[in-house]
């Protein structure tokens, strides 16, 4: 890929285990004391989130390749774009998120906020010999 066509972006992979703790009205974590005198935070839920974003450089285009349009059955390409990279350069999978123009946002617990991402990876075409194609859908904010 020509370096002149590459743009700086960030991606975050999904799969990070996140523990959400119960909080009081002031935002402090609720806890209890066990029989040994240890303070234990109360867990509200455990969920899957995103790992810390990483910087990468790639060619991004709003003109979908014919291969991508056929493979994923895209009729209306207005909300989609594609990234083309050298084979094996990006470890992206469906559901991962990408920032191009926006800043990475975090929630009150300092976890990556996926709503701040510009794109969501909707498909991966990695069958090619020299290049990988990633179908991205614009994240409507």
C-alpha atoms as a PDB file:
ATOM      1  CA  UNK A   1       0.000   0.000   0.000  1.00  0.00           C
ATOM      2  CA  UNK A   2       1.253   3.500  -0.766  1.00  0.00           C
ATOM      3  CA  UNK A   3       2.151   5.368   2.425  1.00  0.00           C
ATOM      4  CA  UNK A   4       0.919   8.685   0.985  1.00  0.00           C
ATOM      5  CA  UNK A   5      -2.667   7.340   0.938  1.00  0.00           C
ATOM      6  CA  UNK A   6      -2.628   6.138   4.538  1.00  0.00           C
ATOM      7  CA  UNK A   7      -4.440   8.055   7.253  1.00  0.00           C
ATOM      8  CA  UNK A   8      -3.945   7.951  11.013  1.00  0.00           C
ATOM      9  CA  UNK A   9      -6.761   6.219  12.892  1.00  0.00           C
ATOM     10  CA  UNK A  10      -7.318   4.268  16.107  1.00  0.00           C
ATOM     11  CA  UNK A  11      -9.007   0.937  16.676  1.00  0.00           C
ATOM     12  CA  UNK A  12     -10.287  -0.810  19.784  1.00  0.00           C
ATOM     13  CA  UNK A  13     -10.888  -4.540  19.923  1.00  0.00           C
ATOM     14  CA  UNK A  14     -13.835  -5.917  21.808  1.00  0.00           C
ATOM     15  CA  UNK A  15     -13.554  -8.626  24.456  1.00  0.00           C
ATOM     16  CA  UNK A  16     -12.287  -6.834  27.568  1.00  0.00           C
ATOM     17  CA  UNK A  17     -14.051  -8.063  30.716  1.00  0.00           C
ATOM     18  CA  UNK A  18     -15.408  -5.097  32.660  1.00  0.00           C
ATOM     19  CA  UNK A  19     -16.697  -5.181  36.221  1.00  0.00           C
ATOM     20  CA  UNK A  20     -19.229  -2.484  37.054  1.00  0.00           C
ATOM     21  CA  UNK A  21     -19.625  -1.686  40.741  1.00  0.00           C
ATOM     22  CA  UNK A  22     -22.727  -0.413  42.519  1.00  0.00           C
ATOM     23  CA  UNK A  23     -22.500   3.270  43.403  1.00  0.00           C
ATOM     24  CA  UNK A  24     -24.335   5.543  45.807  1.00  0.00           C
ATOM     25  CA  UNK A  25     -25.933   8.906  44.950  1.00  0.00           C
ATOM     26  CA  UNK A  26     -22.525  10.630  45.221  1.00  0.00           C
ATOM     27  CA  UNK A  27     -20.874   8.235  42.795  1.00  0.00           C
ATOM     28  CA  UNK A  28     -18.893   6.357  45.461  1.00  0.00           C
ATOM     29  CA  UNK A  29     -18.573   2.588  45.140  1.00  0.00           C
ATOM     30  CA  UNK A  30     -20.793   0.732  47.595  1.00  0.00           C
ATOM     31  CA  UNK A  31     -19.108  -1.963  49.653  1.00  0.00           C
ATOM     32  CA  UNK A  32     -19.529  -4.287  52.608  1.00  0.00           C
ATOM     33  CA  UNK A  33     -17.159  -5.653  55.246  1.00  0.00           C
ATOM     34  CA  UNK A  34     -16.653  -9.403  55.430  1.00  0.00           C
ATOM     35  CA  UNK A  35     -16.106 -11.456  58.594  1.00  0.00           C
ATOM     36  CA  UNK A  36     -12.331 -10.888  58.415  1.00  0.00           C
ATOM     37  CA  UNK A  37     -12.736  -7.102  58.282  1.00  0.00           C
ATOM     38  CA  UNK A  38     -11.969  -6.787  54.557  1.00  0.00           C
ATOM     39  CA  UNK A  39     -13.875  -4.166  52.582  1.00  0.00           C
ATOM     40  CA  UNK A  40     -15.435  -5.759  49.501  1.00  0.00           C
ATOM     41  CA  UNK A  41     -16.957  -3.642  46.680  1.00  0.00           C
ATOM     42  CA  UNK A  42     -20.443  -4.655  45.542  1.00  0.00           C
ATOM     43  CA  UNK A  43     -20.547  -5.782  41.925  1.00  0.00           C
ATOM     44  CA  UNK A  44     -23.523  -4.528  39.899  1.00  0.00           C
ATOM     45  CA  UNK A  45     -22.685  -6.404  36.687  1.00  0.00           C
ATOM     46  CA  UNK A  46     -19.933  -7.899  34.584  1.00  0.00           C
ATOM     47  CA  UNK A  47     -19.919  -7.051  30.893  1.00  0.00           C
ATOM     48  CA  UNK A  48     -17.768  -7.161  27.798  1.00  0.00           C
ATOM     49  CA  UNK A  49     -16.207  -3.904  26.659  1.00  0.00           C
ATOM     50  CA  UNK A  50     -13.312  -2.666  24.545  1.00  0.00           C
ATOM     51  CA  UNK A  51      -9.560  -2.719  25.074  1.00  0.00           C
ATOM     52  CA  UNK A  52      -7.540   0.517  25.013  1.00  0.00           C
ATOM     53  CA  UNK A  53      -7.385   1.941  21.450  1.00  0.00           C
ATOM     54  CA  UNK A  54      -4.263   1.548  19.313  1.00  0.00           C
ATOM     55  CA  UNK A  55      -3.014   3.830  16.543  1.00  0.00           C
ATOM     56  CA  UNK A  56      -2.692   2.516  12.982  1.00  0.00           C
ATOM     57  CA  UNK A  57      -2.295   3.916   9.474  1.00  0.00           C
ATOM     58  CA  UNK A  58      -4.369   2.665   6.550  1.00  0.00           C
ATOM     59  CA  UNK A  59      -6.115   3.606   3.328  1.00  0.00           C
ATOM     60  CA  UNK A  60      -9.821   4.303   3.935  1.00  0.00           C
ATOM     61  CA  UNK A  61     -12.267   4.856   1.108  1.00  0.00           C
ATOM     62  CA  UNK A  62     -15.988   5.522   0.847  1.00  0.00           C
ATOM     63  CA  UNK A  63     -16.015   3.775  -2.542  1.00  0.00           C
ATOM     64  CA  UNK A  64     -16.673   0.119  -1.801  1.00  0.00           C
ATOM     65  CA  UNK A  65     -14.824  -2.385  -3.923  1.00  0.00           C
ATOM     66  CA  UNK A  66     -16.987  -4.629  -6.071  1.00  0.00           C
ATOM     67  CA  UNK A  67     -15.658  -7.617  -4.131  1.00  0.00           C
ATOM     68  CA  UNK A  68     -16.785  -6.165  -0.798  1.00  0.00           C
ATOM     69  CA  UNK A  69     -20.211  -5.128  -2.099  1.00  0.00           C
ATOM     70  CA  UNK A  70     -20.855  -8.603  -3.513  1.00  0.00           C
ATOM     71  CA  UNK A  71     -19.426 -10.502  -0.554  1.00  0.00           C
ATOM     72  CA  UNK A  72     -21.502  -8.671   2.041  1.00  0.00           C
ATOM     73  CA  UNK A  73     -24.563  -7.965  -0.121  1.00  0.00           C
ATOM     74  CA  UNK A  74     -24.425  -4.183   0.294  1.00  0.00           C
ATOM     75  CA  UNK A  75     -27.045  -2.423  -1.839  1.00  0.00           C
ATOM     76  CA  UNK A  76     -26.811   1.067  -0.326  1.00  0.00           C
ATOM     77  CA  UNK A  77     -23.197   2.013   0.254  1.00  0.00           C
ATOM     78  CA  UNK A  78     -23.852   5.521   1.660  1.00  0.00           C
ATOM     79  CA  UNK A  79     -23.314   4.444   5.270  1.00  0.00           C
ATOM     80  CA  UNK A  80     -20.343   2.219   4.544  1.00  0.00           C
ATOM     81  CA  UNK A  81     -16.681   2.547   3.681  1.00  0.00           C
ATOM     82  CA  UNK A  82     -13.714   0.212   3.458  1.00  0.00           C
ATOM     83  CA  UNK A  83     -10.183  -0.087   4.698  1.00  0.00           C
ATOM     84  CA  UNK A  84      -7.628  -1.899   2.590  1.00  0.00           C
ATOM     85  CA  UNK A  85      -4.430  -3.072   4.282  1.00  0.00           C
ATOM     86  CA  UNK A  86      -1.505  -5.338   3.621  1.00  0.00           C
ATOM     87  CA  UNK A  87      -2.265  -8.938   4.506  1.00  0.00           C
ATOM     88  CA  UNK A  88      -2.267  -9.481   8.285  1.00  0.00           C
ATOM     89  CA  UNK A  89      -1.549  -5.823   9.201  1.00  0.00           C
ATOM     90  CA  UNK A  90      -4.707  -5.287  11.293  1.00  0.00           C
ATOM     91  CA  UNK A  91      -6.174  -7.821  13.750  1.00  0.00           C
ATOM     92  CA  UNK A  92      -9.734  -6.488  13.330  1.00  0.00           C
ATOM     93  CA  UNK A  93     -12.869  -8.593  13.624  1.00  0.00           C
ATOM     94  CA  UNK A  94     -16.579  -7.832  13.313  1.00  0.00           C
ATOM     95  CA  UNK A  95     -17.743  -5.597  16.151  1.00  0.00           C
ATOM     96  CA  UNK A  96     -14.420  -3.805  16.705  1.00  0.00           C
ATOM     97  CA  UNK A  97     -14.543   0.006  16.507  1.00  0.00           C
ATOM     98  CA  UNK A  98     -12.507   2.718  14.757  1.00  0.00           C
ATOM     99  CA  UNK A  99     -11.932   6.446  15.266  1.00  0.00           C
ATOM    100  CA  UNK A 100     -10.857   8.594  12.316  1.00  0.00           C
ATOM    101  CA  UNK A 101     -11.903  12.167  13.111  1.00  0.00           C
ATOM    102  CA  UNK A 102     -13.385  11.900  16.596  1.00  0.00           C
ATOM    103  CA  UNK A 103     -11.532  11.688  19.872  1.00  0.00           C
ATOM    104  CA  UNK A 104     -11.714   8.474  21.866  1.00  0.00           C
ATOM    105  CA  UNK A 105     -14.264   8.914  24.652  1.00  0.00           C
ATOM    106  CA  UNK A 106     -14.468   7.225  28.023  1.00  0.00           C
ATOM    107  CA  UNK A 107     -17.329   6.613  30.449  1.00  0.00           C
ATOM    108  CA  UNK A 108     -17.301   7.620  34.119  1.00  0.00           C
ATOM    109  CA  UNK A 109     -15.393   4.428  35.000  1.00  0.00           C
ATOM    110  CA  UNK A 110     -12.671   5.211  32.409  1.00  0.00           C
ATOM    111  CA  UNK A 111     -13.793   2.443  30.041  1.00  0.00           C
ATOM    112  CA  UNK A 112     -13.752   3.069  26.279  1.00  0.00           C
ATOM    113  CA  UNK A 113     -17.108   4.501  25.141  1.00  0.00           C
ATOM    114  CA  UNK A 114     -18.016   2.826  21.818  1.00  0.00           C
ATOM    115  CA  UNK A 115     -20.549   5.578  21.047  1.00  0.00           C
ATOM    116  CA  UNK A 116     -17.633   7.966  20.369  1.00  0.00           C
ATOM    117  CA  UNK A 117     -16.207   5.789  17.576  1.00  0.00           C
ATOM    118  CA  UNK A 118     -16.638   6.868  13.949  1.00  0.00           C
ATOM    119  CA  UNK A 119     -16.999   3.351  12.520  1.00  0.00           C
ATOM    120  CA  UNK A 120     -17.960  -0.189  13.470  1.00  0.00           C
ATOM    121  CA  UNK A 121     -16.312  -3.125  11.676  1.00  0.00           C
ATOM    122  CA  UNK A 122     -19.160  -4.982   9.967  1.00  0.00           C
ATOM    123  CA  UNK A 123     -17.209  -7.485   7.917  1.00  0.00           C
ATOM    124  CA  UNK A 124     -13.758  -8.813   7.129  1.00  0.00           C
ATOM    125  CA  UNK A 125     -12.627 -10.179   3.761  1.00  0.00           C
ATOM    126  CA  UNK A 126      -9.246 -11.725   4.475  1.00  0.00           C
ATOM    127  CA  UNK A 127      -9.196 -14.415   1.795  1.00  0.00           C
ATOM    128  CA  UNK A 128      -6.965 -12.390  -0.536  1.00  0.00           C
ATOM    129  CA  UNK A 129      -3.323 -13.315  -0.999  1.00  0.00           C
ATOM    130  CA  UNK A 130      -1.826  -9.845  -0.463  1.00  0.00           C
ATOM    131  CA  UNK A 131      -4.529  -7.610   1.057  1.00  0.00           C
ATOM    132  CA  UNK A 132      -7.279  -7.612   3.675  1.00  0.00           C
ATOM    133  CA  UNK A 133     -10.516  -5.653   3.227  1.00  0.00           C
ATOM    134  CA  UNK A 134     -12.607  -4.390   6.132  1.00  0.00           C
ATOM    135  CA  UNK A 135     -16.194  -3.238   5.710  1.00  0.00           C
ATOM    136  CA  UNK A 136     -16.968  -0.353   8.063  1.00  0.00           C
ATOM    137  CA  UNK A 137     -20.348   1.124   8.902  1.00  0.00           C
ATOM    138  CA  UNK A 138     -20.552   4.759   9.971  1.00  0.00           C
ATOM    139  CA  UNK A 139     -21.508   5.106  13.627  1.00  0.00           C
ATOM    140  CA  UNK A 140     -24.411   7.557  13.683  1.00  0.00           C
ATOM    141  CA  UNK A 141     -23.962   9.909  16.622  1.00  0.00           C
END
